[in-house]
Amino acid sequence: GGGTRSEKLKELSPQGAHIVVGTPKRVNDIASKEQMSLLRVTLLILEGADRIIDLGFAEDVRRLAAWTRPERQTLLFANTWPRALADVADELAVGGGPPGHFSAAA
């Protein structure tokens, strides 16, 4: 967080990074302009995935996943598990099987 976009881009290597934190829309924007490669991403984590989907960013999530390695692991953290999020999880699952689902009660 903080800093201008150009300052943040100067910190990135064209070959990619070990950890990238950002909204799906912002990371897609950077990747689409070839300012950063996501091909080395082996773990994609979306925190607040239910909210991201509720706000209408499902297509941005799909696009973001398309920039990454097909054999990546994907973790979706959410307070709720609406059908729209389950559908996205099914699309992002690799290996041909259904995604695993874990629920923790408070």
PDB file of N, CA and C in Angstrom:
ATOM      1  N   GLY A   1       0.808  -1.173   0.000  1.00  0.00           N
ATOM      2  CA  GLY A   1       0.000   0.000   0.000  1.00  0.00           C
ATOM      3  C   GLY A   1       0.857   1.245   0.000  1.00  0.00           C
ATOM      4  N   GLY A   2       0.262   2.350  -0.344  1.00  0.00           N
ATOM      5  CA  GLY A   2       0.947   3.623  -0.349  1.00  0.00           C
ATOM      6  C   GLY A   2       1.832   3.788  -1.563  1.00  0.00           C
ATOM      7  N   GLY A   3       2.198   5.002  -1.839  1.00  0.00           N
ATOM      8  CA  GLY A   3       3.067   5.271  -2.982  1.00  0.00           C
ATOM      9  C   GLY A   3       2.276   5.367  -4.270  1.00  0.00           C
ATOM     10  N   THR A   4       2.934   5.948  -5.253  1.00  0.00           N
ATOM     11  CA  THR A   4       2.289   6.084  -6.560  1.00  0.00           C
ATOM     12  C   THR A   4       2.436   4.800  -7.353  1.00  0.00           C
ATOM     13  N   ARG A   5       1.654   4.698  -8.375  1.00  0.00           N
ATOM     14  CA  ARG A   5       1.714   3.520  -9.234  1.00  0.00           C
ATOM     15  C   ARG A   5       3.096   3.378  -9.875  1.00  0.00           C
ATOM     16  N   SER A   6       3.648   4.473 -10.352  1.00  0.00           N
ATOM     17  CA  SER A   6       4.963   4.392 -11.001  1.00  0.00           C
ATOM     18  C   SER A   6       6.035   3.966 -10.002  1.00  0.00           C
ATOM     19  N   GLU A   7       5.927   4.405  -8.753  1.00  0.00           N
ATOM     20  CA  GLU A   7       6.887   3.972  -7.733  1.00  0.00           C
ATOM     21  C   GLU A   7       6.780   2.474  -7.502  1.00  0.00           C
ATOM     22  N   LYS A   8       5.564   1.974  -7.451  1.00  0.00           N
ATOM     23  CA  LYS A   8       5.355   0.535  -7.228  1.00  0.00           C
ATOM     24  C   LYS A   8       5.875  -0.279  -8.406  1.00  0.00           C
ATOM     25  N   LEU A   9       5.657   0.195  -9.620  1.00  0.00           N
ATOM     26  CA  LEU A   9       6.118  -0.534 -10.797  1.00  0.00           C
ATOM     27  C   LEU A   9       7.635  -0.603 -10.867  1.00  0.00           C
ATOM     28  N   LYS A  10       8.320   0.427 -10.386  1.00  0.00           N
ATOM     29  CA  LYS A  10       9.775   0.415 -10.375  1.00  0.00           C
ATOM     30  C   LYS A  10      10.308  -0.687  -9.471  1.00  0.00           C
ATOM     31  N   GLU A  11       9.518  -1.072  -8.452  1.00  0.00           N
ATOM     32  CA  GLU A  11       9.928  -2.119  -7.518  1.00  0.00           C
ATOM     33  C   GLU A  11       9.775  -3.520  -8.110  1.00  0.00           C
ATOM     34  N   LEU A  12       9.016  -3.644  -9.186  1.00  0.00           N
ATOM     35  CA  LEU A  12       8.747  -4.946  -9.783  1.00  0.00           C
ATOM     36  C   LEU A  12       9.779  -5.287 -10.845  1.00  0.00           C
ATOM     37  N   SER A  13      10.092  -6.547 -10.904  1.00  0.00           N
ATOM     38  CA  SER A  13      10.978  -7.059 -11.945  1.00  0.00           C
ATOM     39  C   SER A  13      10.130  -7.504 -13.123  1.00  0.00           C
ATOM     40  N   PRO A  14      10.580  -7.313 -14.367  1.00  0.00           N
ATOM     41  CA  PRO A  14       9.822  -7.812 -15.516  1.00  0.00           C
ATOM     42  C   PRO A  14       9.651  -9.331 -15.489  1.00  0.00           C
ATOM     43  N   GLN A  15      10.542 -10.037 -14.785  1.00  0.00           N
ATOM     44  CA  GLN A  15      10.434 -11.498 -14.700  1.00  0.00           C
ATOM     45  C   GLN A  15       9.373 -11.928 -13.699  1.00  0.00           C
ATOM     46  N   GLY A  16       8.889 -11.033 -12.879  1.00  0.00           N
ATOM     47  CA  GLY A  16       7.870 -11.370 -11.906  1.00  0.00           C
ATOM     48  C   GLY A  16       8.349 -11.103 -10.494  1.00  0.00           C
ATOM     49  N   ALA A  17       7.597 -11.596  -9.536  1.00  0.00           N
ATOM     50  CA  ALA A  17       7.905 -11.371  -8.131  1.00  0.00           C
ATOM     51  C   ALA A  17       7.508 -12.603  -7.338  1.00  0.00           C
ATOM     52  N   HIS A  18       8.067 -12.745  -6.158  1.00  0.00           N
ATOM     53  CA  HIS A  18       7.695 -13.870  -5.298  1.00  0.00           C
ATOM     54  C   HIS A  18       6.316 -13.647  -4.680  1.00  0.00           C
ATOM     55  N   ILE A  19       6.029 -12.424  -4.305  1.00  0.00           N
ATOM     56  CA  ILE A  19       4.735 -12.096  -3.701  1.00  0.00           C
ATOM     57  C   ILE A  19       4.211 -10.819  -4.350  1.00  0.00           C
ATOM     58  N   VAL A  20       2.959 -10.869  -4.779  1.00  0.00           N
ATOM     59  CA  VAL A  20       2.298  -9.694  -5.342  1.00  0.00           C
ATOM     60  C   VAL A  20       0.977  -9.540  -4.599  1.00  0.00           C
ATOM     61  N   VAL A  21       0.719  -8.362  -4.081  1.00  0.00           N
ATOM     62  CA  VAL A  21      -0.522  -8.087  -3.371  1.00  0.00           C
ATOM     63  C   VAL A  21      -1.225  -6.950  -4.096  1.00  0.00           C
ATOM     64  N   GLY A  22      -2.482  -7.167  -4.419  1.00  0.00           N
ATOM     65  CA  GLY A  22      -3.242  -6.114  -5.092  1.00  0.00           C
ATOM     66  C   GLY A  22      -4.635  -6.598  -5.426  1.00  0.00           C
ATOM     67  N   THR A  23      -5.460  -5.692  -5.849  1.00  0.00           N
ATOM     68  CA  THR A  23      -6.796  -6.080  -6.279  1.00  0.00           C
ATOM     69  C   THR A  23      -6.690  -6.814  -7.611  1.00  0.00           C
ATOM     70  N   PRO A  24      -7.635  -7.706  -7.897  1.00  0.00           N
ATOM     71  CA  PRO A  24      -7.580  -8.401  -9.188  1.00  0.00           C
ATOM     72  C   PRO A  24      -7.517  -7.433 -10.368  1.00  0.00           C
ATOM     73  N   LYS A  25      -8.270  -6.358 -10.295  1.00  0.00           N
ATOM     74  CA  LYS A  25      -8.288  -5.393 -11.402  1.00  0.00           C
ATOM     75  C   LYS A  25      -6.920  -4.744 -11.584  1.00  0.00           C
ATOM     76  N   ARG A  26      -6.270  -4.331 -10.501  1.00  0.00           N
ATOM     77  CA  ARG A  26      -4.962  -3.674 -10.593  1.00  0.00           C
ATOM     78  C   ARG A  26      -3.894  -4.642 -11.089  1.00  0.00           C
ATOM     79  N   VAL A  27      -3.888  -5.863 -10.570  1.00  0.00           N
ATOM     80  CA  VAL A  27      -2.876  -6.836 -10.999  1.00  0.00           C
ATOM     81  C   VAL A  27      -3.085  -7.204 -12.461  1.00  0.00           C
ATOM     82  N   ASN A  28      -4.340  -7.355 -12.889  1.00  0.00           N
ATOM     83  CA  ASN A  28      -4.625  -7.608 -14.305  1.00  0.00           C
ATOM     84  C   ASN A  28      -4.106  -6.485 -15.177  1.00  0.00           C
ATOM     85  N   ASP A  29      -4.310  -5.268 -14.735  1.00  0.00           N
ATOM     86  CA  ASP A  29      -3.876  -4.104 -15.504  1.00  0.00           C
ATOM     87  C   ASP A  29      -2.363  -4.129 -15.697  1.00  0.00           C
ATOM     88  N   ILE A  30      -1.640  -4.404 -14.634  1.00  0.00           N
ATOM     89  CA  ILE A  30      -0.178  -4.439 -14.708  1.00  0.00           C
ATOM     90  C   ILE A  30       0.286  -5.592 -15.600  1.00  0.00           C
ATOM     91  N   ALA A  31      -0.328  -6.767 -15.436  1.00  0.00           N
ATOM     92  CA  ALA A  31       0.065  -7.931 -16.239  1.00  0.00           C
ATOM     93  C   ALA A  31      -0.267  -7.727 -17.714  1.00  0.00           C
ATOM     94  N   SER A  32      -1.411  -7.114 -18.004  1.00  0.00           N
ATOM     95  CA  SER A  32      -1.822  -6.943 -19.405  1.00  0.00           C
ATOM     96  C   SER A  32      -0.920  -5.970 -20.151  1.00  0.00           C
ATOM     97  N   LYS A  33      -0.277  -5.085 -19.442  1.00  0.00           N
ATOM     98  CA  LYS A  33       0.639  -4.138 -20.074  1.00  0.00           C
ATOM     99  C   LYS A  33       2.067  -4.666 -20.068  1.00  0.00           C
ATOM    100  N   GLU A  34       2.210  -5.945 -19.721  1.00  0.00           N
ATOM    101  CA  GLU A  34       3.504  -6.625 -19.681  1.00  0.00           C
ATOM    102  C   GLU A  34       4.506  -5.883 -18.802  1.00  0.00           C
ATOM    103  N   GLN A  35       3.989  -5.281 -17.737  1.00  0.00           N
ATOM    104  CA  GLN A  35       4.848  -4.616 -16.771  1.00  0.00           C
ATOM    105  C   GLN A  35       5.313  -5.589 -15.690  1.00  0.00           C
ATOM    106  N   MET A  36       4.676  -6.766 -15.657  1.00  0.00           N
ATOM    107  CA  MET A  36       5.041  -7.803 -14.718  1.00  0.00           C
ATOM    108  C   MET A  36       4.498  -9.134 -15.229  1.00  0.00           C
ATOM    109  N   SER A  37       5.301 -10.162 -15.138  1.00  0.00           N
ATOM    110  CA  SER A  37       4.857 -11.499 -15.542  1.00  0.00           C
ATOM    111  C   SER A  37       4.299 -12.241 -14.328  1.00  0.00           C
ATOM    112  N   LEU A  38       3.202 -12.950 -14.540  1.00  0.00           N
ATOM    113  CA  LEU A  38       2.620 -13.784 -13.489  1.00  0.00           C
ATOM    114  C   LEU A  38       2.796 -15.267 -13.797  1.00  0.00           C
ATOM    115  N   LEU A  39       3.602 -15.575 -14.798  1.00  0.00           N
ATOM    116  CA  LEU A  39       3.775 -16.970 -15.215  1.00  0.00           C
ATOM    117  C   LEU A  39       4.478 -17.825 -14.174  1.00  0.00           C
ATOM    118  N   ARG A  40       5.160 -17.224 -13.220  1.00  0.00           N
ATOM    119  CA  ARG A  40       5.845 -17.983 -12.187  1.00  0.00           C
ATOM    120  C   ARG A  40       4.979 -18.194 -10.949  1.00  0.00           C
ATOM    121  N   VAL A  41       3.779 -17.662 -10.965  1.00  0.00           N
ATOM    122  CA  VAL A  41       2.882 -17.787  -9.814  1.00  0.00           C
ATOM    123  C   VAL A  41       2.457 -19.250  -9.661  1.00  0.00           C
ATOM    124  N   THR A  42       2.736 -19.808  -8.497  1.00  0.00           N
ATOM    125  CA  THR A  42       2.330 -21.182  -8.215  1.00  0.00           C
ATOM    126  C   THR A  42       1.249 -21.244  -7.144  1.00  0.00           C
ATOM    127  N   LEU A  43       0.994 -20.125  -6.478  1.00  0.00           N
ATOM    128  CA  LEU A  43      -0.042 -20.052  -5.442  1.00  0.00           C
ATOM    129  C   LEU A  43      -0.778 -18.735  -5.593  1.00  0.00           C
ATOM    130  N   LEU A  44      -2.063 -18.822  -5.894  1.00  0.00           N
ATOM    131  CA  LEU A  44      -2.922 -17.653  -6.054  1.00  0.00           C
ATOM    132  C   LEU A  44      -3.874 -17.622  -4.869  1.00  0.00           C
ATOM    133  N   ILE A  45      -3.843 -16.551  -4.097  1.00  0.00           N
ATOM    134  CA  ILE A  45      -4.687 -16.429  -2.912  1.00  0.00           C
ATOM    135  C   ILE A  45      -5.600 -15.224  -3.084  1.00  0.00           C
ATOM    136  N   LEU A  46      -6.888 -15.451  -2.879  1.00  0.00           N
ATOM    137  CA  LEU A  46      -7.859 -14.358  -2.915  1.00  0.00           C
ATOM    138  C   LEU A  46      -8.529 -14.285  -1.555  1.00  0.00           C
ATOM    139  N   GLU A  47      -8.247 -13.212  -0.821  1.00  0.00           N
ATOM    140  CA  GLU A  47      -8.864 -12.987   0.480  1.00  0.00           C
ATOM    141  C   GLU A  47     -10.093 -12.128   0.249  1.00  0.00           C
ATOM    142  N   GLY A  48     -11.183 -12.450   0.917  1.00  0.00           N
ATOM    143  CA  GLY A  48     -12.421 -11.710   0.688  1.00  0.00           C
ATOM    144  C   GLY A  48     -13.041 -12.052  -0.650  1.00  0.00           C
ATOM    145  N   ALA A  49     -12.861 -13.294  -1.089  1.00  0.00           N
ATOM    146  CA  ALA A  49     -13.323 -13.705  -2.422  1.00  0.00           C
ATOM    147  C   ALA A  49     -14.826 -13.525  -2.595  1.00  0.00           C
ATOM    148  N   ASP A  50     -15.604 -13.769  -1.536  1.00  0.00           N
ATOM    149  CA  ASP A  50     -17.052 -13.584  -1.645  1.00  0.00           C
ATOM    150  C   ASP A  50     -17.397 -12.134  -1.942  1.00  0.00           C
ATOM    151  N   ARG A  51     -16.701 -11.222  -1.309  1.00  0.00           N
ATOM    152  CA  ARG A  51     -16.944  -9.796  -1.526  1.00  0.00           C
ATOM    153  C   ARG A  51     -16.495  -9.379  -2.927  1.00  0.00           C
ATOM    154  N   ILE A  52     -15.365  -9.906  -3.363  1.00  0.00           N
ATOM    155  CA  ILE A  52     -14.870  -9.610  -4.711  1.00  0.00           C
ATOM    156  C   ILE A  52     -15.908 -10.025  -5.751  1.00  0.00           C
ATOM    157  N   ILE A  53     -16.483 -11.206  -5.578  1.00  0.00           N
ATOM    158  CA  ILE A  53     -17.498 -11.701  -6.518  1.00  0.00           C
ATOM    159  C   ILE A  53     -18.784 -10.878  -6.395  1.00  0.00           C
ATOM    160  N   ASP A  54     -19.209 -10.582  -5.135  1.00  0.00           N
ATOM    161  CA  ASP A  54     -20.417  -9.776  -4.925  1.00  0.00           C
ATOM    162  C   ASP A  54     -20.323  -8.411  -5.596  1.00  0.00           C
ATOM    163  N   LEU A  55     -19.118  -7.855  -5.642  1.00  0.00           N
ATOM    164  CA  LEU A  55     -18.932  -6.532  -6.245  1.00  0.00           C
ATOM    165  C   LEU A  55     -18.808  -6.592  -7.767  1.00  0.00           C
ATOM    166  N   GLY A  56     -18.931  -7.794  -8.327  1.00  0.00           N
ATOM    167  CA  GLY A  56     -18.948  -7.918  -9.783  1.00  0.00           C
ATOM    168  C   GLY A  56     -17.594  -8.105 -10.441  1.00  0.00           C
ATOM    169  N   PHE A  57     -16.605  -8.588  -9.683  1.00  0.00           N
ATOM    170  CA  PHE A  57     -15.270  -8.745 -10.236  1.00  0.00           C
ATOM    171  C   PHE A  57     -14.921 -10.192 -10.594  1.00  0.00           C
ATOM    172  N   ALA A  58     -15.928 -11.026 -10.836  1.00  0.00           N
ATOM    173  CA  ALA A  58     -15.674 -12.427 -11.192  1.00  0.00           C
ATOM    174  C   ALA A  58     -14.828 -12.536 -12.451  1.00  0.00           C
ATOM    175  N   GLU A  59     -15.126 -11.721 -13.441  1.00  0.00           N
ATOM    176  CA  GLU A  59     -14.363 -11.784 -14.693  1.00  0.00           C
ATOM    177  C   GLU A  59     -12.914 -11.349 -14.464  1.00  0.00           C
ATOM    178  N   ASP A  60     -12.697 -10.399 -13.592  1.00  0.00           N
ATOM    179  CA  ASP A  60     -11.325  -9.984 -13.265  1.00  0.00           C
ATOM    180  C   ASP A  60     -10.566 -11.124 -12.594  1.00  0.00           C
ATOM    181  N   VAL A  61     -11.245 -11.887 -11.750  1.00  0.00           N
ATOM    182  CA  VAL A  61     -10.614 -13.040 -11.092  1.00  0.00           C
ATOM    183  C   VAL A  61     -10.253 -14.093 -12.133  1.00  0.00           C
ATOM    184  N   ARG A  62     -11.156 -14.363 -13.051  1.00  0.00           N
ATOM    185  CA  ARG A  62     -10.873 -15.335 -14.122  1.00  0.00           C
ATOM    186  C   ARG A  62      -9.683 -14.887 -14.966  1.00  0.00           C
ATOM    187  N   ARG A  63      -9.664 -13.613 -15.314  1.00  0.00           N
ATOM    188  CA  ARG A  63      -8.575 -13.057 -16.114  1.00  0.00           C
ATOM    189  C   ARG A  63      -7.253 -13.149 -15.359  1.00  0.00           C
ATOM    190  N   LEU A  64      -7.289 -12.847 -14.075  1.00  0.00           N
ATOM    191  CA  LEU A  64      -6.091 -12.931 -13.242  1.00  0.00           C
ATOM    192  C   LEU A  64      -5.553 -14.355 -13.218  1.00  0.00           C
ATOM    193  N   ALA A  65      -6.422 -15.321 -13.036  1.00  0.00           N
ATOM    194  CA  ALA A  65      -5.998 -16.723 -13.022  1.00  0.00           C
ATOM    195  C   ALA A  65      -5.404 -17.131 -14.366  1.00  0.00           C
ATOM    196  N   ALA A  66      -5.925 -16.584 -15.449  1.00  0.00           N
ATOM    197  CA  ALA A  66      -5.416 -16.923 -16.781  1.00  0.00           C
ATOM    198  C   ALA A  66      -3.981 -16.447 -16.989  1.00  0.00           C
ATOM    199  N   TRP A  67      -3.555 -15.422 -16.264  1.00  0.00           N
ATOM    200  CA  TRP A  67      -2.176 -14.927 -16.373  1.00  0.00           C
ATOM    201  C   TRP A  67      -1.187 -15.839 -15.648  1.00  0.00           C
ATOM    202  N   THR A  68      -1.682 -16.716 -14.778  1.00  0.00           N
ATOM    203  CA  THR A  68      -0.804 -17.536 -13.949  1.00  0.00           C
ATOM    204  C   THR A  68      -0.626 -18.927 -14.545  1.00  0.00           C
ATOM    205  N   ARG A  69       0.285 -19.693 -13.940  1.00  0.00           N
ATOM    206  CA  ARG A  69       0.557 -21.061 -14.390  1.00  0.00           C
ATOM    207  C   ARG A  69      -0.716 -21.906 -14.278  1.00  0.00           C
ATOM    208  N   PRO A  70      -0.969 -22.772 -15.236  1.00  0.00           N
ATOM    209  CA  PRO A  70      -2.172 -23.606 -15.162  1.00  0.00           C
ATOM    210  C   PRO A  70      -2.127 -24.613 -14.014  1.00  0.00           C
ATOM    211  N   GLU A  71      -0.935 -24.986 -13.550  1.00  0.00           N
ATOM    212  CA  GLU A  71      -0.848 -25.970 -12.471  1.00  0.00           C
ATOM    213  C   GLU A  71      -0.728 -25.324 -11.090  1.00  0.00           C
ATOM    214  N   ARG A  72      -1.125 -24.077 -10.977  1.00  0.00           N
ATOM    215  CA  ARG A  72      -1.044 -23.361  -9.703  1.00  0.00           C
ATOM    216  C   ARG A  72      -2.035 -23.934  -8.685  1.00  0.00           C
ATOM    217  N   GLN A  73      -1.799 -23.608  -7.428  1.00  0.00           N
ATOM    218  CA  GLN A  73      -2.784 -23.849  -6.377  1.00  0.00           C
ATOM    219  C   GLN A  73      -3.549 -22.555  -6.183  1.00  0.00           C
ATOM    220  N   THR A  74      -4.823 -22.663  -5.872  1.00  0.00           N
ATOM    221  CA  THR A  74      -5.640 -21.476  -5.649  1.00  0.00           C
ATOM    222  C   THR A  74      -6.344 -21.619  -4.308  1.00  0.00           C
ATOM    223  N   LEU A  75      -6.220 -20.588  -3.472  1.00  0.00           N
ATOM    224  CA  LEU A  75      -6.906 -20.550  -2.183  1.00  0.00           C
ATOM    225  C   LEU A  75      -7.864 -19.373  -2.192  1.00  0.00           C
ATOM    226  N   LEU A  76      -9.118 -19.641  -1.869  1.00  0.00           N
ATOM    227  CA  LEU A  76     -10.128 -18.588  -1.790  1.00  0.00           C
ATOM    228  C   LEU A  76     -10.597 -18.504  -0.340  1.00  0.00           C
ATOM    229  N   PHE A  77     -10.435 -17.348   0.262  1.00  0.00           N
ATOM    230  CA  PHE A  77     -10.896 -17.123   1.628  1.00  0.00           C
ATOM    231  C   PHE A  77     -12.137 -16.254   1.575  1.00  0.00           C
ATOM    232  N   ALA A  78     -13.185 -16.682   2.273  1.00  0.00           N
ATOM    233  CA  ALA A  78     -14.449 -15.961   2.215  1.00  0.00           C
ATOM    234  C   ALA A  78     -15.236 -16.173   3.503  1.00  0.00           C
ATOM    235  N   ASN A  79     -16.032 -15.187   3.862  1.00  0.00           N
ATOM    236  CA  ASN A  79     -16.919 -15.315   5.022  1.00  0.00           C
ATOM    237  C   ASN A  79     -18.178 -16.102   4.666  1.00  0.00           C
ATOM    238  N   THR A  80     -18.576 -16.021   3.411  1.00  0.00           N
ATOM    239  CA  THR A  80     -19.752 -16.750   2.919  1.00  0.00           C
ATOM    240  C   THR A  80     -19.338 -17.498   1.659  1.00  0.00           C
ATOM    241  N   TRP A  81     -20.161 -18.441   1.231  1.00  0.00           N
ATOM    242  CA  TRP A  81     -19.845 -19.236   0.041  1.00  0.00           C
ATOM    243  C   TRP A  81     -21.070 -19.259  -0.879  1.00  0.00           C
ATOM    244  N   PRO A  82     -21.356 -18.103  -1.517  1.00  0.00           N
ATOM    245  CA  PRO A  82     -22.513 -18.052  -2.419  1.00  0.00           C
ATOM    246  C   PRO A  82     -22.275 -18.882  -3.676  1.00  0.00           C
ATOM    247  N   ARG A  83     -23.343 -19.190  -4.363  1.00  0.00           N
ATOM    248  CA  ARG A  83     -23.271 -20.009  -5.573  1.00  0.00           C
ATOM    249  C   ARG A  83     -22.317 -19.412  -6.601  1.00  0.00           C
ATOM    250  N   ALA A  84     -22.339 -18.083  -6.764  1.00  0.00           N
ATOM    251  CA  ALA A  84     -21.457 -17.439  -7.748  1.00  0.00           C
ATOM    252  C   ALA A  84     -19.990 -17.696  -7.414  1.00  0.00           C
ATOM    253  N   LEU A  85     -19.639 -17.696  -6.131  1.00  0.00           N
ATOM    254  CA  LEU A  85     -18.265 -17.970  -5.734  1.00  0.00           C
ATOM    255  C   LEU A  85     -17.942 -19.441  -5.950  1.00  0.00           C
ATOM    256  N   ALA A  86     -18.878 -20.326  -5.652  1.00  0.00           N
ATOM    257  CA  ALA A  86     -18.668 -21.759  -5.899  1.00  0.00           C
ATOM    258  C   ALA A  86     -18.425 -22.022  -7.381  1.00  0.00           C
ATOM    259  N   ASP A  87     -19.149 -21.303  -8.241  1.00  0.00           N
ATOM    260  CA  ASP A  87     -18.946 -21.461  -9.685  1.00  0.00           C
ATOM    261  C   ASP A  87     -17.543 -21.024 -10.101  1.00  0.00           C
ATOM    262  N   VAL A  88     -17.076 -19.899  -9.565  1.00  0.00           N
ATOM    263  CA  VAL A  88     -15.728 -19.427  -9.878  1.00  0.00           C
ATOM    264  C   VAL A  88     -14.698 -20.422  -9.344  1.00  0.00           C
ATOM    265  N   ALA A  89     -14.913 -20.928  -8.140  1.00  0.00           N
ATOM    266  CA  ALA A  89     -13.991 -21.910  -7.557  1.00  0.00           C
ATOM    267  C   ALA A  89     -13.901 -23.146  -8.450  1.00  0.00           C
ATOM    268  N   ASP A  90     -15.039 -23.604  -8.965  1.00  0.00           N
ATOM    269  CA  ASP A  90     -15.041 -24.756  -9.876  1.00  0.00           C
ATOM    270  C   ASP A  90     -14.206 -24.461 -11.123  1.00  0.00           C
ATOM    271  N   GLU A  91     -14.330 -23.259 -11.660  1.00  0.00           N
ATOM    272  CA  GLU A  91     -13.575 -22.879 -12.865  1.00  0.00           C
ATOM    273  C   GLU A  91     -12.075 -22.793 -12.603  1.00  0.00           C
ATOM    274  N   LEU A  92     -11.709 -22.349 -11.413  1.00  0.00           N
ATOM    275  CA  LEU A  92     -10.299 -22.155 -11.089  1.00  0.00           C
ATOM    276  C   LEU A  92      -9.609 -23.428 -10.624  1.00  0.00           C
ATOM    277  N   ALA A  93     -10.390 -24.448 -10.288  1.00  0.00           N
ATOM    278  CA  ALA A  93      -9.811 -25.703  -9.806  1.00  0.00           C
ATOM    279  C   ALA A  93      -9.009 -26.367 -10.924  1.00  0.00           C
ATOM    280  N   VAL A  94      -7.848 -26.886 -10.569  1.00  0.00           N
ATOM    281  CA  VAL A  94      -7.014 -27.595 -11.536  1.00  0.00           C
ATOM    282  C   VAL A  94      -6.956 -29.063 -11.141  1.00  0.00           C
ATOM    283  N   GLY A  95      -6.675 -29.900 -12.082  1.00  0.00           N
ATOM    284  CA  GLY A  95      -6.575 -31.323 -11.803  1.00  0.00           C
ATOM    285  C   GLY A  95      -7.831 -32.099 -12.153  1.00  0.00           C
ATOM    286  N   GLY A  96      -8.837 -31.425 -12.659  1.00  0.00           N
ATOM    287  CA  GLY A  96     -10.024 -32.116 -13.142  1.00  0.00           C
ATOM    288  C   GLY A  96     -11.063 -32.447 -12.091  1.00  0.00           C
ATOM    289  N   GLY A  97     -10.744 -32.322 -10.820  1.00  0.00           N
ATOM    290  CA  GLY A  97     -11.717 -32.644  -9.775  1.00  0.00           C
ATOM    291  C   GLY A  97     -12.342 -31.404  -9.200  1.00  0.00           C
ATOM    292  N   PRO A  98     -13.324 -31.604  -8.335  1.00  0.00           N
ATOM    293  CA  PRO A  98     -13.955 -30.447  -7.699  1.00  0.00           C
ATOM    294  C   PRO A  98     -12.991 -29.826  -6.675  1.00  0.00           C
ATOM    295  N   PRO A  99     -13.161 -28.554  -6.406  1.00  0.00           N
ATOM    296  CA  PRO A  99     -12.289 -27.911  -5.423  1.00  0.00           C
ATOM    297  C   PRO A  99     -12.599 -28.407  -4.015  1.00  0.00           C
ATOM    298  N   GLY A 100     -11.572 -28.400  -3.165  1.00  0.00           N
ATOM    299  CA  GLY A 100     -11.801 -28.725  -1.764  1.00  0.00           C
ATOM    300  C   GLY A 100     -12.462 -27.551  -1.086  1.00  0.00           C
ATOM    301  N   HIS A 101     -13.223 -27.828  -0.046  1.00  0.00           N
ATOM    302  CA  HIS A 101     -13.952 -26.768   0.652  1.00  0.00           C
ATOM    303  C   HIS A 101     -13.838 -27.031   2.147  1.00  0.00           C
ATOM    304  N   PHE A 102     -13.376 -26.040   2.890  1.00  0.00           N
ATOM    305  CA  PHE A 102     -13.212 -26.146   4.331  1.00  0.00           C
ATOM    306  C   PHE A 102     -13.988 -25.023   4.987  1.00  0.00           C
ATOM    307  N   SER A 103     -14.742 -25.357   6.016  1.00  0.00           N
ATOM    308  CA  SER A 103     -15.526 -24.345   6.720  1.00  0.00           C
ATOM    309  C   SER A 103     -15.152 -24.398   8.190  1.00  0.00           C
ATOM    310  N   ALA A 104     -14.850 -23.250   8.761  1.00  0.00           N
ATOM    311  CA  ALA A 104     -14.502 -23.168  10.170  1.00  0.00           C
ATOM    312  C   ALA A 104     -15.586 -22.387  10.896  1.00  0.00           C
ATOM    313  N   ALA A 105     -16.160 -22.996  11.901  1.00  0.00           N
ATOM    314  CA  ALA A 105     -17.186 -22.322  12.696  1.00  0.00           C
ATOM    315  C   ALA A 105     -16.520 -21.502  13.790  1.00  0.00           C
ATOM    316  N   ALA A 106     -17.120 -20.354  14.072  1.00  0.00           N
ATOM    317  CA  ALA A 106     -16.551 -19.466  15.101  1.00  0.00           C
ATOM    318  C   ALA A 106     -16.815 -20.008  16.487  1.00  0.00           C
TER     319      ALA A 106
END
